[in-house]
Amino acid sequence: MEIEVRHARVVEMINATGSLSKAAMKIGIPQPSLSAQLRRIEKAVGGSLFVRTRNGVIPTPLGERVIPKLAALAEQADAVIAEAAVDTSGTLRFGTAEWTPPTLRSALRTMLPKIDMRTETILSADAVDKVQRGALGAAMVSGMGSVAPVRLRDRDLAKETIVRDPVWLALPVSHPLADHAVLTASQLDGLWWIGYAQQHWFSPVERHLLGALGRRDRRVSHYAGGHHEAMSWVRHVGAAALTPLTGATSDVRVVPLADTQYTELTLVWHRDALSSGTARRLVEIIRGFYYHYARSFPSYRSWLGDLPDGPPEVPDPSCWMPADSSCVS
């Protein structure tokens, strides 16, 4: 693992608070996740940065040498971002596939005040083409590895993963399985399902996952054209549906699956529409917003705390979006 700015911010927060629990609270992640991340950082630098005491943690001799340098790295990164934000202006047409919370647009406008942000909801299948044609400057695209990949065929386009999003099982809140901590393939027997229309990006992902679960033959009540339509059917007819968190709604219950697989939410942009600094800032803002959004689901918080090695490297827990839409490092 290479040391990145986000790792520097994590170490800086631990040093500033003198406590893993306080640092985890400040950052907004469970303490086991922070501890796992610190272990990865310490492995990368070649030794322990902190030693535990009765009153918290204090730097080791190695930490006394390394922590100031990491703090300087975070400070320099903040200066670069601030400088890029000063020069960032103009209009950006920004598309998101099915998921455009008004609060996301507000966060983008707050953090990039000189950009006139024009948002629109698009089909994931159309996103790359729209960016390539110049109809959009940037777009968020959903995909899954080789099953539903996000491919760029134009050298003027660039991309970066925002989050790796676990696939969940959505159920009505009153369903007998809705309160389970995790579900295995055998527990899916007897369910009625809401599937996805063939033209939807999630349809091949769904087929792949159900095949892995041994559920190719299932009873389908309806094939939905999108995630929110699927969630409406889940709620009203008592069926089940697979979904990433960006497709879930607050009126259903999402339950993790054993050996869950991941989809990716990817930012694609045209190099003529965004400078590299603005693109980097956009990635950080959306990633932080998503992390805060995901933690609004109790099931996600429980799943995150149960991960033995902490959260996936993405989303980045060193930058999260609280209620006032401020990105805190």
Protein backbone atom coordinates (compact mmCIF):
# COMPACT_ATOMS: atom_id res chain seq x y z
CA MET A 1 0.00 0.00 0.00
CA GLU A 2 1.28 3.47 -0.89
CA ILE A 3 0.84 6.33 1.56
CA GLU A 4 -1.80 8.79 0.36
CA VAL A 5 -3.09 12.12 1.64
CA ARG A 6 -6.07 10.45 3.29
CA HIS A 7 -3.71 8.25 5.31
CA ALA A 8 -1.83 11.35 6.44
CA ARG A 9 -5.10 12.88 7.62
CA VAL A 10 -5.99 9.75 9.59
CA VAL A 11 -2.62 9.76 11.38
CA GLU A 12 -2.88 13.51 11.97
CA MET A 13 -6.32 13.10 13.57
CA ILE A 14 -5.13 10.28 15.86
CA ASN A 15 -2.17 12.38 16.95
CA ALA A 16 -4.32 15.48 17.50
CA THR A 17 -6.89 13.67 19.65
CA GLY A 18 -4.45 11.31 21.38
CA SER A 19 -7.08 8.59 21.20
CA LEU A 20 -8.21 6.05 18.62
CA SER A 21 -11.80 6.23 19.85
CA LYS A 22 -11.90 10.04 19.70
CA ALA A 23 -10.27 10.06 16.27
CA ALA A 24 -12.77 7.48 14.99
CA MET A 25 -15.61 9.62 16.32
CA LYS A 26 -14.20 12.74 14.65
CA ILE A 27 -13.74 10.98 11.31
CA GLY A 28 -17.06 9.17 11.58
CA ILE A 29 -16.07 5.51 11.38
CA PRO A 30 -16.10 2.63 13.90
CA GLN A 31 -12.95 2.32 16.02
CA PRO A 32 -12.16 -1.21 14.72
CA SER A 33 -12.15 0.17 11.19
CA LEU A 34 -9.80 2.99 12.18
CA SER A 35 -7.50 0.55 14.00
CA ALA A 36 -7.37 -1.68 10.91
CA GLN A 37 -6.55 1.28 8.71
CA LEU A 38 -3.79 2.40 11.10
CA ARG A 39 -2.26 -1.08 10.95
CA ARG A 40 -2.13 -0.87 7.17
CA ILE A 41 -0.51 2.56 7.35
CA GLU A 42 2.05 1.36 9.90
CA LYS A 43 2.85 -1.63 7.71
CA ALA A 44 3.46 0.76 4.81
CA VAL A 45 5.84 2.99 6.79
CA GLY A 46 7.65 0.05 8.35
CA GLY A 47 6.79 0.31 12.04
CA SER A 48 4.40 1.41 14.76
CA LEU A 49 3.54 5.10 14.88
CA PHE A 50 1.72 5.02 18.23
CA VAL A 51 1.89 3.14 21.48
CA ARG A 52 -1.17 2.64 23.68
CA THR A 53 -1.22 4.02 27.23
CA ARG A 54 -3.87 4.17 29.93
CA ASN A 55 -4.81 7.65 28.74
CA GLY A 56 -4.84 7.00 25.01
CA VAL A 57 -2.01 6.81 22.49
CA ILE A 58 1.32 8.61 22.16
CA PRO A 59 3.79 8.65 19.26
CA THR A 60 6.59 6.12 19.13
CA PRO A 61 10.11 7.32 18.24
CA LEU A 62 9.29 6.48 14.62
CA GLY A 63 6.00 8.35 14.97
CA GLU A 64 7.78 11.44 16.29
CA ARG A 65 9.79 11.54 13.07
CA VAL A 66 7.06 10.54 10.61
CA ILE A 67 3.90 12.22 11.94
CA PRO A 68 5.09 15.83 11.35
CA LYS A 69 5.91 14.90 7.75
CA LEU A 70 2.47 13.35 7.27
CA ALA A 71 0.87 16.46 8.79
CA ALA A 72 2.85 18.60 6.34
CA LEU A 73 1.67 16.38 3.48
CA ALA A 74 -1.99 16.90 4.48
CA GLU A 75 -1.42 20.64 4.84
CA GLN A 76 0.17 20.89 1.39
CA ALA A 77 -2.68 18.90 -0.15
CA ASP A 78 -5.23 21.25 1.43
CA ALA A 79 -3.31 24.21 0.01
CA VAL A 80 -3.35 22.67 -3.47
CA ILE A 81 -7.08 22.00 -3.24
CA ALA A 82 -7.77 25.52 -2.01
CA GLU A 83 -5.69 27.00 -4.85
CA ALA A 84 -7.49 24.86 -7.41
CA ALA A 85 -10.86 25.91 -5.98
CA VAL A 86 -9.94 29.59 -6.40
CA ASP A 87 -9.27 29.08 -10.11
CA THR A 88 -12.28 26.83 -10.65
CA SER A 89 -15.13 28.57 -12.43
CA GLY A 90 -17.57 28.11 -15.28
CA THR A 91 -20.50 25.79 -15.93
CA LEU A 92 -20.42 22.04 -15.45
CA ARG A 93 -23.16 19.78 -16.74
CA PHE A 94 -23.03 16.81 -14.38
CA GLY A 95 -24.99 13.59 -14.85
CA THR A 96 -25.74 10.85 -12.34
CA ALA A 97 -27.27 7.47 -13.11
CA GLU A 98 -30.58 7.22 -11.19
CA TRP A 99 -29.12 8.76 -8.02
CA THR A 100 -29.23 12.56 -7.73
CA PRO A 101 -30.17 13.55 -4.17
CA PRO A 102 -30.82 17.32 -3.93
CA THR A 103 -28.42 17.37 -1.00
CA LEU A 104 -25.64 16.09 -3.30
CA ARG A 105 -26.14 19.05 -5.63
CA SER A 106 -26.15 21.39 -2.63
CA ALA A 107 -22.88 19.86 -1.38
CA LEU A 108 -21.26 20.26 -4.80
CA ARG A 109 -22.36 23.90 -5.06
CA THR A 110 -21.12 24.63 -1.53
CA MET A 111 -17.71 23.07 -2.04
CA LEU A 112 -17.24 24.37 -5.61
CA PRO A 113 -18.92 27.79 -5.35
CA LYS A 114 -17.47 29.21 -8.57
CA ILE A 115 -18.90 26.40 -10.69
CA ASP A 116 -22.43 26.74 -12.04
CA MET A 117 -23.45 23.11 -11.44
CA ARG A 118 -26.17 21.83 -13.78
CA THR A 119 -27.24 18.32 -12.73
CA GLU A 120 -29.37 15.77 -14.52
CA THR A 121 -30.32 12.15 -13.96
CA ILE A 122 -29.36 9.87 -16.84
CA LEU A 123 -29.26 6.21 -17.78
CA SER A 124 -25.98 4.61 -16.79
CA ALA A 125 -25.72 3.07 -20.27
CA ASP A 126 -25.76 6.56 -21.84
CA ALA A 127 -23.34 8.25 -19.45
CA VAL A 128 -19.99 7.66 -21.16
CA ASP A 129 -21.41 8.53 -24.57
CA LYS A 130 -22.85 11.80 -23.26
CA VAL A 131 -19.49 12.79 -21.76
CA GLN A 132 -17.68 11.81 -24.96
CA ARG A 133 -20.04 13.92 -27.11
CA GLY A 134 -19.68 16.91 -24.79
CA ALA A 135 -23.33 16.83 -23.71
CA LEU A 136 -22.00 16.40 -20.16
CA GLY A 137 -18.71 17.49 -18.64
CA ALA A 138 -18.76 14.67 -16.09
CA ALA A 139 -21.00 11.82 -15.02
CA MET A 140 -21.27 9.14 -12.37
CA VAL A 141 -21.53 5.68 -13.93
CA SER A 142 -22.42 2.39 -12.26
CA GLY A 143 -20.80 -0.89 -13.20
CA MET A 144 -19.31 -4.14 -11.99
CA GLY A 145 -15.91 -5.43 -13.08
CA SER A 146 -16.07 -7.62 -16.16
CA VAL A 147 -19.83 -8.18 -15.77
CA ALA A 148 -20.87 -4.58 -16.50
CA PRO A 149 -17.58 -2.69 -17.03
CA VAL A 150 -17.14 1.06 -17.44
CA ARG A 151 -15.00 1.33 -20.60
CA LEU A 152 -13.48 4.48 -22.04
CA ARG A 153 -12.60 4.46 -25.75
CA ASP A 154 -11.58 8.11 -26.00
CA ARG A 155 -8.22 9.36 -24.71
CA ASP A 156 -9.86 12.68 -23.85
CA LEU A 157 -11.89 10.93 -21.15
CA ALA A 158 -10.72 10.00 -17.65
CA LYS A 159 -12.27 8.05 -14.80
CA GLU A 160 -11.83 7.26 -11.12
CA THR A 161 -13.76 4.98 -8.79
CA ILE A 162 -15.84 6.85 -6.23
CA VAL A 163 -16.92 3.86 -4.13
CA ARG A 164 -17.14 0.11 -4.22
CA ASP A 165 -20.76 -0.46 -3.27
CA PRO A 166 -21.88 -3.77 -1.69
CA VAL A 167 -24.92 -5.41 -3.26
CA TRP A 168 -27.72 -5.80 -0.73
CA LEU A 169 -31.03 -7.61 -0.51
CA ALA A 170 -33.94 -5.17 -0.18
CA LEU A 171 -36.98 -6.39 1.75
CA PRO A 172 -40.17 -4.85 3.18
CA VAL A 173 -39.54 -3.62 6.73
CA SER A 174 -42.05 -6.15 8.08
CA HIS A 175 -40.54 -9.15 6.29
CA PRO A 176 -39.38 -12.00 8.60
CA LEU A 177 -35.85 -11.78 7.17
CA ALA A 178 -35.57 -8.00 7.44
CA ASP A 179 -34.00 -7.99 10.90
CA HIS A 180 -31.29 -10.55 10.13
CA ALA A 181 -27.71 -9.34 10.44
CA VAL A 182 -26.72 -11.25 7.28
CA LEU A 183 -28.44 -13.65 4.90
CA THR A 184 -27.08 -16.82 3.30
CA ALA A 185 -28.13 -18.29 -0.04
CA SER A 186 -30.23 -20.99 1.65
CA GLN A 187 -32.35 -18.34 3.39
CA LEU A 188 -33.51 -16.97 0.04
CA ASP A 189 -35.69 -20.04 -0.64
CA GLY A 190 -39.34 -19.23 -1.24
CA LEU A 191 -38.92 -15.52 -1.95
CA TRP A 192 -40.79 -13.67 -4.65
CA TRP A 193 -38.50 -11.32 -6.54
CA ILE A 194 -38.47 -8.01 -8.33
CA GLY A 195 -36.09 -8.21 -11.25
CA TYR A 196 -34.59 -5.57 -13.55
CA ALA A 197 -35.46 -4.92 -17.18
CA GLN A 198 -32.90 -6.24 -19.65
CA GLN A 199 -31.78 -2.78 -20.79
CA HIS A 200 -30.93 -1.67 -17.24
CA TRP A 201 -27.22 -1.74 -16.30
CA PHE A 202 -27.94 -3.81 -13.18
CA SER A 203 -29.63 -6.65 -15.11
CA PRO A 204 -26.40 -8.54 -16.00
CA VAL A 205 -25.08 -7.90 -12.48
CA GLU A 206 -28.27 -9.35 -11.04
CA ARG A 207 -28.03 -12.46 -13.24
CA HIS A 208 -24.38 -12.92 -12.28
CA LEU A 209 -25.07 -12.63 -8.54
CA LEU A 210 -28.14 -14.87 -8.59
CA GLY A 211 -26.18 -17.46 -10.54
CA ALA A 212 -23.46 -17.38 -7.88
CA LEU A 213 -26.16 -17.84 -5.23
CA GLY A 214 -27.74 -20.75 -7.14
CA ARG A 215 -30.91 -18.75 -7.75
CA ARG A 216 -31.12 -18.66 -11.54
CA ASP A 217 -34.68 -20.04 -11.40
CA ARG A 218 -36.77 -17.75 -9.24
CA ARG A 219 -40.30 -16.44 -9.01
CA VAL A 220 -40.38 -12.90 -10.43
CA SER A 221 -43.37 -10.64 -9.77
CA HIS A 222 -42.18 -7.73 -11.93
CA TYR A 223 -39.21 -6.49 -13.97
CA ALA A 224 -38.50 -2.87 -13.00
CA GLY A 225 -36.91 -0.20 -15.18
CA GLY A 226 -34.86 1.23 -12.30
CA HIS A 227 -33.89 0.81 -8.67
CA HIS A 228 -36.44 3.16 -7.15
CA GLU A 229 -39.26 1.49 -9.09
CA ALA A 230 -37.96 -1.84 -7.81
CA MET A 231 -37.97 -0.51 -4.23
CA SER A 232 -41.58 0.63 -4.65
CA TRP A 233 -42.59 -2.88 -5.71
CA VAL A 234 -40.62 -4.39 -2.81
CA ARG A 235 -42.56 -2.18 -0.43
CA HIS A 236 -46.03 -2.76 -1.91
CA VAL A 237 -46.02 -6.45 -2.90
CA GLY A 238 -43.71 -7.85 -0.24
CA ALA A 239 -41.08 -9.14 -2.66
CA ALA A 240 -37.27 -9.03 -2.56
CA ALA A 241 -34.79 -7.30 -4.85
CA LEU A 242 -31.05 -6.95 -5.14
CA THR A 243 -29.75 -3.38 -5.01
CA PRO A 244 -26.69 -1.24 -4.34
CA LEU A 245 -27.20 1.34 -1.59
CA THR A 246 -27.55 4.10 -4.20
CA GLY A 247 -30.69 2.29 -5.38
CA ALA A 248 -32.21 1.70 -1.93
CA THR A 249 -34.84 3.94 -0.35
CA SER A 250 -35.52 4.65 3.31
CA ASP A 251 -38.87 2.82 3.26
CA VAL A 252 -37.34 -0.63 2.71
CA ARG A 253 -34.87 -2.65 4.77
CA VAL A 254 -31.52 -3.62 3.23
CA VAL A 255 -29.75 -6.72 4.53
CA PRO A 256 -26.20 -7.76 3.59
CA LEU A 257 -25.59 -11.08 1.90
CA ALA A 258 -22.90 -13.51 2.99
CA ASP A 259 -19.87 -13.19 0.72
CA THR A 260 -21.34 -10.03 -0.74
CA GLN A 261 -20.00 -8.77 -4.05
CA TYR A 262 -19.42 -5.16 -5.07
CA THR A 263 -20.46 -2.81 -7.80
CA GLU A 264 -18.49 0.34 -8.56
CA LEU A 265 -19.65 3.93 -8.77
CA THR A 266 -17.24 5.68 -11.14
CA LEU A 267 -16.76 9.33 -12.03
CA VAL A 268 -16.09 9.83 -15.75
CA TRP A 269 -15.11 13.25 -17.06
CA HIS A 270 -13.87 14.98 -20.19
CA ARG A 271 -10.37 16.40 -19.77
CA ASP A 272 -11.42 19.59 -21.58
CA ALA A 273 -14.28 20.15 -19.10
CA LEU A 274 -12.39 19.57 -15.84
CA SER A 275 -8.83 20.26 -14.76
CA SER A 276 -7.13 17.44 -12.89
CA GLY A 277 -7.35 19.44 -9.65
CA THR A 278 -11.08 20.07 -10.01
CA ALA A 279 -11.68 16.43 -10.93
CA ARG A 280 -9.78 15.34 -7.82
CA ARG A 281 -11.84 17.71 -5.69
CA LEU A 282 -15.07 16.44 -7.26
CA VAL A 283 -14.09 12.86 -6.45
CA GLU A 284 -13.39 13.77 -2.81
CA ILE A 285 -16.69 15.64 -2.40
CA ILE A 286 -18.84 12.89 -3.92
CA ARG A 287 -16.97 10.18 -2.04
CA GLY A 288 -17.44 11.98 1.25
CA PHE A 289 -21.11 12.60 0.52
CA TYR A 290 -21.67 8.94 -0.34
CA TYR A 291 -19.99 7.76 2.84
CA HIS A 292 -22.22 9.97 4.97
CA TYR A 293 -25.29 8.87 2.98
CA ALA A 294 -24.44 5.18 3.34
CA ARG A 295 -24.06 5.51 7.10
CA SER A 296 -27.71 6.65 7.30
CA PHE A 297 -28.58 2.95 6.82
CA PRO A 298 -28.25 1.07 10.15
CA SER A 299 -27.46 -2.13 8.25
CA TYR A 300 -24.51 -0.45 6.55
CA ARG A 301 -23.12 0.80 9.86
CA SER A 302 -23.38 -2.70 11.35
CA TRP A 303 -21.81 -4.29 8.28
CA LEU A 304 -18.98 -1.76 8.33
CA GLY A 305 -18.24 -2.46 11.99
CA ASP A 306 -18.15 -6.21 11.35
CA LEU A 307 -15.48 -6.04 8.64
CA PRO A 308 -12.33 -7.71 10.07
CA ASP A 309 -9.99 -5.51 8.00
CA GLY A 310 -11.96 -2.28 8.19
CA PRO A 311 -13.89 -0.71 5.33
CA PRO A 312 -12.87 -1.06 1.69
CA GLU A 313 -10.20 1.44 0.65
CA VAL A 314 -13.04 3.28 -1.07
CA PRO A 315 -15.08 5.10 0.22
CA ASP A 316 -12.48 7.27 1.90
CA PRO A 317 -13.36 7.58 5.61
CA SER A 318 -10.94 10.46 6.15
CA CYS A 319 -13.32 12.83 4.37
CA TRP A 320 -17.01 12.63 5.22
CA MET A 321 -20.01 14.86 4.72
CA PRO A 322 -21.93 15.93 7.86
CA ALA A 323 -25.35 17.56 7.84
CA ASP A 324 -24.03 21.00 6.96
CA SER A 325 -22.40 19.60 3.79
CA SER A 326 -18.87 20.58 4.91
CA CYS A 327 -16.04 18.21 4.04
CA VAL A 328 -14.07 17.70 7.23
CA SER A 329 -10.50 16.43 7.09
